[in-house]
């Protein structure tokens, strides 16, 4: 194994955790590179797409439903959402997985919504209960839809698209909200203690890329975007659960740990064992806040550098 990349959450996630002395010493001697923060910038440091755009809907649809004829259409995510009106407007409070969607929800909502989109020439489908899609003609011109995490907790009217194509989508969204507001399935969800599905969130539109490459031959991740990339790319993607040990890695590898919430698990289960591998090759800790720490065996001679006891900026 020559190089290992760990995709990590922002350094603040590890605030308050005490690093072992050996790891703190290695981090103090490591090369620190400062790049752009954010999910998109972090992924772009490790994956190259042709053409250079990130159509999340097309990529996750391939992961959910397979490649098949995916290249014959454009794709747009139309995820179930909960929007709560308040005195100042309406706020996006949850989308997708946060709504605890079930197959029964999909079977109830989709038949009511499909005619709205069918009349517009679009096919609504949900191969995964929390990830819904619109299949569009390849030539469809789409406005710039923000990802849900950009609008979460904020007034949705501040995130409505504009431009010449936007009016059509605002109309579709309004019609969708009327159907969902009156749907009896939401009464059933309320009795079960669940919030209603009262809107959709459009985002991530585009065409499937022609190719995707990475310096890592194997990617361990539960992110469907990366599994979709592997379907059209030159590397292999596997679930995190398939990871055996750092010592068993035979090629350059990337491990996606952005979703790990427990800082102790992140430190003891991943960072500390990965540091041991750094005695044999390069290990990069790539943080979502834009900083990267590159650990290499030759850095042990930098004995004058002070230990780094935290990954916060």
Protein backbone atom coordinates (compact mmCIF):
# COMPACT_ATOMS: atom_id res chain seq x y z
CA UNK A 1 0.00 0.00 0.00
CA UNK A 2 1.56 3.27 -1.13
CA UNK A 3 -1.07 5.91 -0.33
CA UNK A 4 -4.15 6.07 1.86
CA UNK A 5 -6.67 8.93 1.83
CA UNK A 6 -9.15 9.46 4.66
CA UNK A 7 -12.09 11.76 3.91
CA UNK A 8 -12.95 13.32 7.26
CA UNK A 9 -15.57 15.73 8.62
CA UNK A 10 -14.47 19.19 9.72
CA UNK A 11 -11.82 19.27 12.44
CA UNK A 12 -14.33 20.75 14.89
CA UNK A 13 -15.98 17.30 15.03
CA UNK A 14 -12.95 16.12 17.03
CA UNK A 15 -12.92 19.07 19.42
CA UNK A 16 -12.24 18.01 23.01
CA UNK A 17 -10.69 14.67 22.05
CA UNK A 18 -7.17 14.00 23.35
CA UNK A 19 -4.85 12.61 20.70
CA UNK A 20 -2.37 9.88 21.65
CA UNK A 21 1.15 11.29 21.96
CA UNK A 22 2.44 9.37 18.93
CA UNK A 23 -0.34 10.65 16.67
CA UNK A 24 -0.03 14.23 17.97
CA UNK A 25 3.71 14.11 17.25
CA UNK A 26 3.14 12.80 13.70
CA UNK A 27 0.51 15.44 12.96
CA UNK A 28 2.83 18.17 14.18
CA UNK A 29 5.47 16.99 11.71
CA UNK A 30 3.05 16.47 8.81
CA UNK A 31 2.69 18.73 5.78
CA UNK A 32 -0.45 20.86 6.03
CA UNK A 33 -2.20 21.95 2.84
CA UNK A 34 -5.09 24.42 2.94
CA UNK A 35 -7.73 24.13 0.21
CA UNK A 36 -11.35 25.05 -0.35
CA UNK A 37 -13.88 23.99 2.31
CA UNK A 38 -17.11 22.12 1.63
CA UNK A 39 -18.24 18.73 0.39
CA UNK A 40 -17.91 19.48 -3.30
CA UNK A 41 -14.38 20.84 -2.99
CA UNK A 42 -13.35 17.91 -0.81
CA UNK A 43 -14.58 15.34 -3.31
CA UNK A 44 -13.04 17.22 -6.22
CA UNK A 45 -9.61 16.80 -4.64
CA UNK A 46 -9.89 13.05 -5.16
CA UNK A 47 -12.19 12.49 -8.14
CA UNK A 48 -11.99 13.91 -11.65
CA UNK A 49 -15.10 13.88 -13.86
CA UNK A 50 -15.36 14.25 -17.61
CA UNK A 51 -17.01 16.63 -18.28
CA UNK A 52 -16.12 18.50 -15.11
CA UNK A 53 -19.51 18.74 -13.40
CA UNK A 54 -21.20 16.88 -10.54
CA UNK A 55 -24.73 15.77 -11.52
CA UNK A 56 -25.71 14.25 -8.18
CA UNK A 57 -29.07 12.96 -9.42
CA UNK A 58 -27.59 11.03 -12.32
CA UNK A 59 -24.85 9.57 -10.13
CA UNK A 60 -27.07 8.46 -7.26
CA UNK A 61 -29.67 7.09 -9.68
CA UNK A 62 -27.02 4.81 -11.17
CA UNK A 63 -26.17 3.63 -7.65
CA UNK A 64 -29.86 3.04 -6.87
CA UNK A 65 -31.09 1.60 -10.16
CA UNK A 66 -28.07 0.57 -12.27
CA UNK A 67 -26.45 1.97 -15.40
CA UNK A 68 -28.73 0.44 -18.06
CA UNK A 69 -30.03 3.31 -20.26
CA UNK A 70 -29.15 6.07 -17.78
CA UNK A 71 -27.18 7.96 -20.44
CA UNK A 72 -30.27 8.43 -22.59
CA UNK A 73 -31.82 10.94 -20.17
CA UNK A 74 -31.11 13.84 -17.88
CA UNK A 75 -31.87 13.37 -14.19
CA UNK A 76 -33.10 15.58 -11.37
CA UNK A 77 -33.53 14.69 -7.71
CA UNK A 78 -37.07 15.36 -6.44
CA UNK A 79 -36.67 14.34 -2.83
CA UNK A 80 -39.61 14.26 -0.39
CA UNK A 81 -39.49 17.25 1.93
CA UNK A 82 -41.13 18.80 4.95
CA UNK A 83 -41.58 22.58 4.83
CA UNK A 84 -43.10 24.37 7.83
CA UNK A 85 -44.83 27.72 7.31
CA UNK A 86 -44.06 30.41 9.87
CA UNK A 87 -44.76 34.10 10.36
CA UNK A 88 -41.80 35.07 8.17
CA UNK A 89 -42.32 32.60 5.31
CA UNK A 90 -41.70 28.86 5.10
CA UNK A 91 -38.69 26.88 6.26
CA UNK A 92 -37.20 23.66 4.94
CA UNK A 93 -36.89 21.42 7.99
CA UNK A 94 -36.24 17.95 6.54
CA UNK A 95 -35.66 16.05 3.32
CA UNK A 96 -35.02 12.45 2.30
CA UNK A 97 -33.70 10.17 5.02
CA UNK A 98 -34.63 12.62 7.80
CA UNK A 99 -38.31 11.96 7.04
CA UNK A 100 -38.15 8.21 7.86
CA UNK A 101 -39.68 7.35 4.51
CA UNK A 102 -40.94 3.82 3.90
CA UNK A 103 -41.85 1.79 0.84
CA UNK A 104 -45.49 2.26 1.88
CA UNK A 105 -45.03 6.04 1.69
CA UNK A 106 -43.64 5.74 -1.82
CA UNK A 107 -46.48 3.49 -2.92
CA UNK A 108 -49.01 5.99 -1.57
CA UNK A 109 -47.53 9.27 -2.80
CA UNK A 110 -46.08 8.42 -6.22
CA UNK A 111 -49.35 7.46 -8.01
CA UNK A 112 -50.84 10.82 -6.98
CA UNK A 113 -47.82 12.83 -8.14
CA UNK A 114 -46.85 11.07 -11.37
CA UNK A 115 -49.65 12.57 -13.54
CA UNK A 116 -48.46 16.11 -12.69
CA UNK A 117 -45.00 15.41 -14.02
CA UNK A 118 -46.17 13.12 -16.79
CA UNK A 119 -48.13 16.00 -18.30
CA UNK A 120 -44.86 17.97 -18.38
CA UNK A 121 -43.04 15.09 -20.11
CA UNK A 122 -41.14 13.93 -17.01
CA UNK A 123 -41.16 10.54 -15.25
CA UNK A 124 -41.15 10.51 -11.45
CA UNK A 125 -39.69 7.43 -9.81
CA UNK A 126 -38.30 6.34 -6.43
CA UNK A 127 -35.95 3.34 -6.61
CA UNK A 128 -34.96 4.27 -3.05
CA UNK A 129 -37.57 5.50 -0.51
CA UNK A 130 -35.57 8.62 0.42
CA UNK A 131 -34.15 9.45 -3.03
CA UNK A 132 -36.74 10.35 -5.66
CA UNK A 133 -35.94 11.21 -9.27
CA UNK A 134 -37.31 12.90 -12.33
CA UNK A 135 -36.24 11.45 -15.65
CA UNK A 136 -36.02 14.24 -18.21
CA UNK A 137 -35.24 14.54 -21.92
CA UNK A 138 -31.49 15.06 -22.37
CA UNK A 139 -31.98 18.53 -23.82
CA UNK A 140 -33.99 19.83 -20.83
CA UNK A 141 -32.69 23.18 -19.62
CA UNK A 142 -32.71 23.35 -15.82
CA UNK A 143 -32.41 26.34 -13.49
CA UNK A 144 -29.79 26.29 -10.77
CA UNK A 145 -31.39 24.32 -7.92
CA UNK A 146 -29.57 24.45 -4.55
CA UNK A 147 -28.81 21.25 -2.66
CA UNK A 148 -31.05 20.72 0.38
CA UNK A 149 -28.22 21.21 2.88
CA UNK A 150 -27.77 24.73 1.53
CA UNK A 151 -31.35 25.62 2.44
CA UNK A 152 -32.01 23.51 5.52
CA UNK A 153 -33.58 25.61 8.26
CA UNK A 154 -33.87 28.65 6.03
CA UNK A 155 -36.73 30.35 4.22
CA UNK A 156 -37.36 28.35 1.06
CA UNK A 157 -38.32 31.49 -0.86
CA UNK A 158 -34.74 32.66 -0.52
CA UNK A 159 -33.67 29.54 -2.40
CA UNK A 160 -36.21 29.42 -5.19
CA UNK A 161 -34.58 29.28 -8.64
CA UNK A 162 -34.75 32.17 -11.04
CA UNK A 163 -34.06 32.56 -14.72
CA UNK A 164 -36.11 31.79 -17.85
CA UNK A 165 -36.82 28.15 -16.88
CA UNK A 166 -37.73 28.82 -13.26
CA UNK A 167 -41.42 29.69 -13.67
CA UNK A 168 -42.28 26.23 -15.01
CA UNK A 169 -40.68 24.58 -11.98
CA UNK A 170 -42.29 26.91 -9.47
CA UNK A 171 -45.67 26.01 -10.96
CA UNK A 172 -44.91 22.28 -10.77
CA UNK A 173 -43.80 22.67 -7.17
CA UNK A 174 -46.98 24.53 -6.20
CA UNK A 175 -49.16 21.85 -7.80
CA UNK A 176 -47.15 19.15 -6.03
CA UNK A 177 -47.63 20.83 -2.66
CA UNK A 178 -51.40 20.97 -3.16
CA UNK A 179 -51.55 17.24 -3.91
CA UNK A 180 -49.39 16.34 -0.93
CA UNK A 181 -51.25 18.64 1.45
CA UNK A 182 -54.51 16.83 0.70
CA UNK A 183 -53.07 13.30 0.64
CA UNK A 184 -54.50 10.90 3.28
CA UNK A 185 -51.12 9.24 3.73
CA UNK A 186 -49.98 12.29 5.66
CA UNK A 187 -52.75 11.71 8.19
CA UNK A 188 -51.42 8.18 8.66
CA UNK A 189 -47.91 9.53 9.12
CA UNK A 190 -49.17 12.00 11.73
CA UNK A 191 -50.81 9.18 13.70
CA UNK A 192 -47.46 7.39 13.63
CA UNK A 193 -45.72 10.48 15.03
CA UNK A 194 -44.06 11.42 11.73
CA UNK A 195 -44.01 14.83 10.08
CA UNK A 196 -45.92 15.20 6.79
CA UNK A 197 -44.39 14.98 3.36
CA UNK A 198 -45.73 18.28 2.03
CA UNK A 199 -43.29 19.20 -0.73
CA UNK A 200 -40.48 18.00 -2.99
CA UNK A 201 -36.99 19.44 -3.23
CA UNK A 202 -35.53 19.65 -6.73
CA UNK A 203 -31.74 19.56 -6.97
CA UNK A 204 -28.66 17.88 -8.46
CA UNK A 205 -29.78 17.89 -12.09
CA UNK A 206 -27.72 16.95 -15.12
CA UNK A 207 -26.38 14.25 -17.41
CA UNK A 208 -24.30 11.27 -16.36
CA UNK A 209 -20.58 12.00 -16.86
CA UNK A 210 -18.69 10.16 -19.58
CA UNK A 211 -15.94 9.04 -17.22
CA UNK A 212 -14.61 9.43 -13.69
CA UNK A 213 -11.09 8.81 -12.42
CA UNK A 214 -9.35 8.78 -9.07
CA UNK A 215 -5.84 8.25 -7.79
CA UNK A 216 -7.32 5.66 -5.42
CA UNK A 217 -7.95 2.25 -6.93
CA UNK A 218 -10.43 1.28 -4.19
CA UNK A 219 -12.96 3.53 -2.44
CA UNK A 220 -14.71 2.50 0.76
CA UNK A 221 -17.84 4.60 1.20
CA UNK A 222 -21.57 4.47 1.87
CA UNK A 223 -22.17 7.59 -0.23
CA UNK A 224 -24.27 6.68 -3.30
CA UNK A 225 -22.61 9.53 -5.23
CA UNK A 226 -19.24 7.75 -5.02
CA UNK A 227 -20.77 4.40 -5.93
CA UNK A 228 -22.36 6.06 -8.95
CA UNK A 229 -18.97 7.49 -9.93
CA UNK A 230 -17.43 4.05 -9.72
CA UNK A 231 -20.08 2.71 -12.11
CA UNK A 232 -18.81 5.02 -14.85
CA UNK A 233 -15.21 5.29 -13.64
CA UNK A 234 -11.91 3.48 -13.41
CA UNK A 235 -11.98 2.56 -9.72
CA UNK A 236 -13.91 0.21 -7.46
CA UNK A 237 -16.33 1.33 -4.73
CA UNK A 238 -17.23 -0.83 -1.73
CA UNK A 239 -19.36 -0.23 1.40
CA UNK A 240 -17.53 0.75 4.57
CA UNK A 241 -18.66 -2.54 6.10
CA UNK A 242 -16.47 -4.39 3.57
CA UNK A 243 -13.31 -2.76 4.92
CA UNK A 244 -11.19 -5.36 6.70
CA UNK A 245 -8.00 -3.73 7.91
CA UNK A 246 -5.42 -1.16 6.89
CA UNK A 247 -2.79 -3.87 6.66
CA UNK A 248 -4.83 -5.78 4.07
CA UNK A 249 -4.92 -2.88 1.57
CA UNK A 250 -2.93 -3.82 -1.51
CA UNK A 251 -3.44 -0.65 -3.59
CA UNK A 252 -3.96 3.05 -3.13
CA UNK A 253 -7.27 3.45 -1.27
CA UNK A 254 -9.70 6.09 -0.06
CA UNK A 255 -11.90 5.66 3.01
CA UNK A 256 -14.89 7.98 3.34
CA UNK A 257 -15.45 8.75 7.04
CA UNK A 258 -17.47 11.96 6.64
CA UNK A 259 -20.57 10.33 8.12
CA UNK A 260 -18.92 9.09 11.33
CA UNK A 261 -20.56 11.03 14.17
CA UNK A 262 -18.75 9.70 17.22
CA UNK A 263 -15.37 11.46 17.59
CA UNK A 264 -14.03 8.67 19.78
CA UNK A 265 -14.84 6.09 17.11
CA UNK A 266 -13.25 8.31 14.49
CA UNK A 267 -10.05 8.64 16.50
CA UNK A 268 -9.67 5.14 17.91
CA UNK A 269 -11.18 3.18 15.06
CA UNK A 270 -9.67 5.05 12.13
CA UNK A 271 -7.15 7.86 12.70
CA UNK A 272 -4.89 6.02 15.13
CA UNK A 273 -4.75 2.75 13.11
CA UNK A 274 -4.21 4.73 9.90
CA UNK A 275 -1.29 6.57 11.51
CA UNK A 276 0.45 3.21 11.96
CA UNK A 277 0.21 2.69 8.19
CA UNK A 278 1.95 6.04 7.70
CA UNK A 279 5.20 4.35 8.73
CA UNK A 280 5.02 2.43 5.42
CA UNK A 281 3.57 4.99 2.98
CA UNK A 282 1.73 8.28 2.70
CA UNK A 283 -1.52 8.85 4.60
CA UNK A 284 -3.62 11.97 3.96
CA UNK A 285 -6.19 13.24 6.45
CA UNK A 286 -8.51 15.38 4.27
CA UNK A 287 -10.91 17.48 6.34
CA UNK A 288 -14.20 18.95 5.13
CA UNK A 289 -13.07 22.41 6.29
CA UNK A 290 -10.46 22.41 3.51
CA UNK A 291 -7.31 21.40 5.37
CA UNK A 292 -5.26 18.32 4.57
CA UNK A 293 -2.52 16.74 6.68
CA UNK A 294 -0.07 14.57 4.73
CA UNK A 295 1.83 12.05 6.86
CA UNK A 296 4.95 10.33 5.46
CA UNK A 297 7.72 8.19 7.00
CA UNK A 298 10.43 10.75 6.13
CA UNK A 299 8.80 13.34 8.39
CA UNK A 300 10.06 11.63 11.54
CA UNK A 301 13.24 13.71 11.21
CA UNK A 302 11.27 16.94 11.83
CA UNK A 303 11.88 16.54 15.54
CA UNK A 304 11.87 20.31 16.16
CA UNK A 305 8.16 20.66 15.38
CA UNK A 306 5.69 20.73 18.24
CA UNK A 307 3.00 18.04 18.52
CA UNK A 308 -0.47 18.91 17.20
CA UNK A 309 -3.08 17.94 19.75
CA UNK A 310 -6.19 18.92 17.73
CA UNK A 311 -7.36 19.14 14.13
CA UNK A 312 -9.24 22.39 14.68
CA UNK A 313 -7.97 25.41 12.76
